C-alpha atoms as a PDB file:
ATOM      1  CA  MET A   1      -8.163  37.694 -10.271  1.00  0.00           C
ATOM      2  CA  LYS A   2      -5.547  35.099  -9.210  1.00  0.00           C
ATOM      3  CA  GLU A   3      -5.890  36.161  -5.657  1.00  0.00           C
ATOM      4  CA  LEU A   4      -9.695  35.573  -5.775  1.00  0.00           C
ATOM      5  CA  ILE A   5      -9.086  31.947  -7.061  1.00  0.00           C
ATOM      6  CA  GLY A   6      -6.712  31.381  -4.157  1.00  0.00           C
ATOM      7  CA  ILE A   7      -9.120  32.811  -1.666  1.00  0.00           C
ATOM      8  CA  THR A   8     -11.958  30.695  -2.975  1.00  0.00           C
ATOM      9  CA  ILE A   9      -9.903  27.519  -2.767  1.00  0.00           C
ATOM     10  CA  ILE A  10      -8.847  28.382   0.782  1.00  0.00           C
ATOM     11  CA  LEU A  11     -12.366  29.008   1.819  1.00  0.00           C
ATOM     12  CA  PHE A  12     -13.486  25.737   0.346  1.00  0.00           C
ATOM     13  CA  SER A  13     -10.662  24.127   2.146  1.00  0.00           C
ATOM     14  CA  SER A  14     -11.577  25.670   5.482  1.00  0.00           C
ATOM     15  CA  ILE A  15     -15.187  24.250   5.208  1.00  0.00           C
ATOM     16  CA  PHE A  16     -13.674  20.836   4.692  1.00  0.00           C
ATOM     17  CA  ALA A  17     -11.385  21.298   7.784  1.00  0.00           C
ATOM     18  CA  SER A  18     -14.359  22.216   9.807  1.00  0.00           C
ATOM     19  CA  LEU A  19     -16.223  19.039   8.729  1.00  0.00           C
ATOM     20  CA  GLY A  20     -13.065  17.073   9.742  1.00  0.00           C
ATOM     21  CA  ALA A  21     -13.150  18.762  13.175  1.00  0.00           C
ATOM     22  CA  LEU A  22     -16.931  17.726  13.549  1.00  0.00           C
ATOM     23  CA  PHE A  23     -16.096  14.089  12.950  1.00  0.00           C
ATOM     24  CA  PHE A  24     -13.103  14.368  15.362  1.00  0.00           C
ATOM     25  CA  LYS A  25     -15.439  15.575  18.006  1.00  0.00           C
ATOM     26  CA  LYS A  26     -17.842  12.747  17.360  1.00  0.00           C
ATOM     27  CA  ALA A  27     -14.859  10.400  17.575  1.00  0.00           C
ATOM     28  CA  SER A  28     -13.733  11.742  20.964  1.00  0.00           C
ATOM     29  CA  ALA A  29     -16.586   9.916  22.620  1.00  0.00           C
ATOM     30  CA  SER A  30     -14.819   6.638  22.054  1.00  0.00           C
ATOM     31  CA  ILE A  31     -11.287   7.493  21.427  1.00  0.00           C
ATOM     32  CA  SER A  32      -8.490   5.115  22.230  1.00  0.00           C
ATOM     33  CA  PHE A  33      -4.771   5.452  21.937  1.00  0.00           C
ATOM     34  CA  ASN A  34      -4.629   1.899  20.659  1.00  0.00           C
ATOM     35  CA  PRO A  35      -3.665   2.161  16.981  1.00  0.00           C
ATOM     36  CA  LEU A  36      -5.864  -0.674  15.996  1.00  0.00           C
ATOM     37  CA  LYS A  37      -8.965   0.817  17.835  1.00  0.00           C
ATOM     38  CA  LEU A  38      -8.099   4.075  16.399  1.00  0.00           C
ATOM     39  CA  ILE A  39      -8.147   2.827  12.818  1.00  0.00           C
ATOM     40  CA  ARG A  40     -11.396   1.031  13.464  1.00  0.00           C
ATOM     41  CA  ASN A  41     -13.042   4.226  14.795  1.00  0.00           C
ATOM     42  CA  ARG A  42     -15.171   5.251  11.692  1.00  0.00           C
ATOM     43  CA  GLU A  43     -15.781   8.768  12.948  1.00  0.00           C
ATOM     44  CA  PHE A  44     -11.962   9.282  13.518  1.00  0.00           C
ATOM     45  CA  MET A  45     -11.076   7.938  10.174  1.00  0.00           C
ATOM     46  CA  LYS A  46     -13.657  10.287   8.475  1.00  0.00           C
ATOM     47  CA  GLY A  47     -12.296  13.311  10.265  1.00  0.00           C
ATOM     48  CA  PHE A  48      -8.733  12.125   9.451  1.00  0.00           C
ATOM     49  CA  LEU A  49      -9.541  11.823   5.744  1.00  0.00           C
ATOM     50  CA  ILE A  50     -11.621  14.908   5.374  1.00  0.00           C
ATOM     51  CA  TYR A  51      -9.209  17.017   7.384  1.00  0.00           C
ATOM     52  CA  GLY A  52      -6.437  15.666   5.264  1.00  0.00           C
ATOM     53  CA  GLY A  53      -8.380  16.204   2.181  1.00  0.00           C
ATOM     54  CA  ALA A  54      -8.794  19.879   3.281  1.00  0.00           C
ATOM     55  CA  THR A  55      -5.151  20.260   3.252  1.00  0.00           C
ATOM     56  CA  VAL A  56      -4.756  18.762  -0.081  1.00  0.00           C
ATOM     57  CA  ILE A  57      -7.508  20.897  -1.486  1.00  0.00           C
ATOM     58  CA  GLY A  58      -5.936  24.073   0.047  1.00  0.00           C
ATOM     59  CA  LEU A  59      -2.259  23.406  -1.259  1.00  0.00           C
ATOM     60  CA  PRO A  60      -2.859  24.715  -4.837  1.00  0.00           C
ATOM     61  CA  ALA A  61      -4.186  28.105  -3.533  1.00  0.00           C
ATOM     62  CA  TYR A  62      -0.819  29.150  -2.285  1.00  0.00           C
ATOM     63  CA  ARG A  63       0.214  29.419  -6.033  1.00  0.00           C
ATOM     64  CA  PHE A  64      -2.329  32.258  -6.498  1.00  0.00           C
ATOM     65  CA  ALA A  65      -1.732  34.630  -3.909  1.00  0.00           C
ATOM     66  CA  GLU A  66       0.631  35.679  -0.996  1.00  0.00           C
ATOM     67  CA  LEU A  67       0.682  33.590   2.172  1.00  0.00           C
ATOM     68  CA  SER A  68      -0.094  36.649   4.158  1.00  0.00           C
ATOM     69  CA  LEU A  69      -3.333  37.171   2.271  1.00  0.00           C
ATOM     70  CA  LEU A  70      -4.401  33.542   2.096  1.00  0.00           C
ATOM     71  CA  TYR A  71      -3.537  32.149   5.614  1.00  0.00           C
ATOM     72  CA  PRO A  72      -5.972  34.481   7.612  1.00  0.00           C
ATOM     73  CA  PHE A  73      -8.762  33.130   5.479  1.00  0.00           C
ATOM     74  CA  ILE A  74      -8.161  29.690   7.080  1.00  0.00           C
ATOM     75  CA  ALA A  75      -9.471  31.342  10.274  1.00  0.00           C
ATOM     76  CA  THR A  76     -12.892  31.135   8.711  1.00  0.00           C
ATOM     77  CA  SER A  77     -12.757  27.435   9.660  1.00  0.00           C
ATOM     78  CA  TYR A  78     -13.503  28.548  13.252  1.00  0.00           C
ATOM     79  CA  ILE A  79     -16.697  30.234  11.820  1.00  0.00           C
ATOM     80  CA  TRP A  80     -17.795  27.013  10.048  1.00  0.00           C
ATOM     81  CA  THR A  81     -16.811  24.877  12.846  1.00  0.00           C
ATOM     82  CA  CYS A  82     -19.069  26.878  15.243  1.00  0.00           C
ATOM     83  CA  ILE A  83     -22.081  26.814  12.781  1.00  0.00           C
ATOM     84  CA  LEU A  84     -21.628  23.053  12.344  1.00  0.00           C
ATOM     85  CA  SER A  85     -21.455  22.323  16.024  1.00  0.00           C
ATOM     86  CA  VAL A  86     -24.552  24.280  16.647  1.00  0.00           C
ATOM     87  CA  LYS A  87     -26.482  22.454  13.891  1.00  0.00           C
ATOM     88  CA  TYR A  88     -25.158  18.978  14.209  1.00  0.00           C
ATOM     89  CA  LEU A  89     -23.911  18.658  17.876  1.00  0.00           C
ATOM     90  CA  ASN A  90     -26.536  20.806  19.560  1.00  0.00           C
ATOM     91  CA  GLU A  91     -23.843  23.071  21.048  1.00  0.00           C
ATOM     92  CA  HIS A  92     -24.883  26.546  22.120  1.00  0.00           C
ATOM     93  CA  MET A  93     -23.205  29.753  21.259  1.00  0.00           C
ATOM     94  CA  ASN A  94     -23.144  32.634  23.787  1.00  0.00           C
ATOM     95  CA  ARG A  95     -22.671  36.249  23.252  1.00  0.00           C
ATOM     96  CA  TRP A  96     -18.860  35.998  23.657  1.00  0.00           C
ATOM     97  CA  LYS A  97     -18.509  33.166  20.929  1.00  0.00           C
ATOM     98  CA  TRP A  98     -20.697  35.368  18.531  1.00  0.00           C
ATOM     99  CA  THR A  99     -18.415  38.348  19.283  1.00  0.00           C
ATOM    100  CA  GLY A 100     -15.454  36.244  18.545  1.00  0.00           C
ATOM    101  CA  ILE A 101     -16.876  35.237  15.252  1.00  0.00           C
ATOM    102  CA  GLY A 102     -17.673  38.920  14.357  1.00  0.00           C
ATOM    103  CA  LEU A 103     -14.093  39.868  15.090  1.00  0.00           C
ATOM    104  CA  ILE A 104     -12.687  36.999  12.953  1.00  0.00           C
ATOM    105  CA  ILE A 105     -15.068  38.241  10.053  1.00  0.00           C
ATOM    106  CA  ILE A 106     -13.752  41.840  10.639  1.00  0.00           C
ATOM    107  CA  GLY A 107     -10.172  40.660  10.819  1.00  0.00           C
ATOM    108  CA  VAL A 108     -10.328  38.685   7.549  1.00  0.00           C
ATOM    109  CA  SER A 109     -12.203  41.470   5.932  1.00  0.00           C
ATOM    110  CA  VAL A 110      -9.570  43.979   6.802  1.00  0.00           C
ATOM    111  CA  ILE A 111      -6.753  41.860   5.546  1.00  0.00           C
ATOM    112  CA  GLY A 112      -8.627  41.168   2.282  1.00  0.00           C
ATOM    113  CA  ILE A 113      -9.228  44.930   1.837  1.00  0.00           C
ATOM    114  CA  GLY A 114      -5.707  45.817   2.739  1.00  0.00           C
ATOM    115  CA  ASN A 115      -4.385  43.749  -0.050  1.00  0.00           C
END
């Protein structure tokens, strides 16, 4: 039961991390290495705060299960990122990308079952 709590927290955290990545992608259109411009870049700051929030949300999960079980579930952020990029950035997924997502799902499932 404790492990399920940890996995749920990590999955929730991975969704937030994907949202952060989405905002980082949007910010990249007008990125600058000038610290003042970077702080004023709203998309970058949203990504920074959301991605940081994902880390804070995920930290308590490590109390509930082994790292070797939980950490692979962070890989689901790749799945969420692909879904969000297709939906909100009009990116396209080809057969190889879908195959990769399928392999991630299989890998995470095997690790979960193996516990």
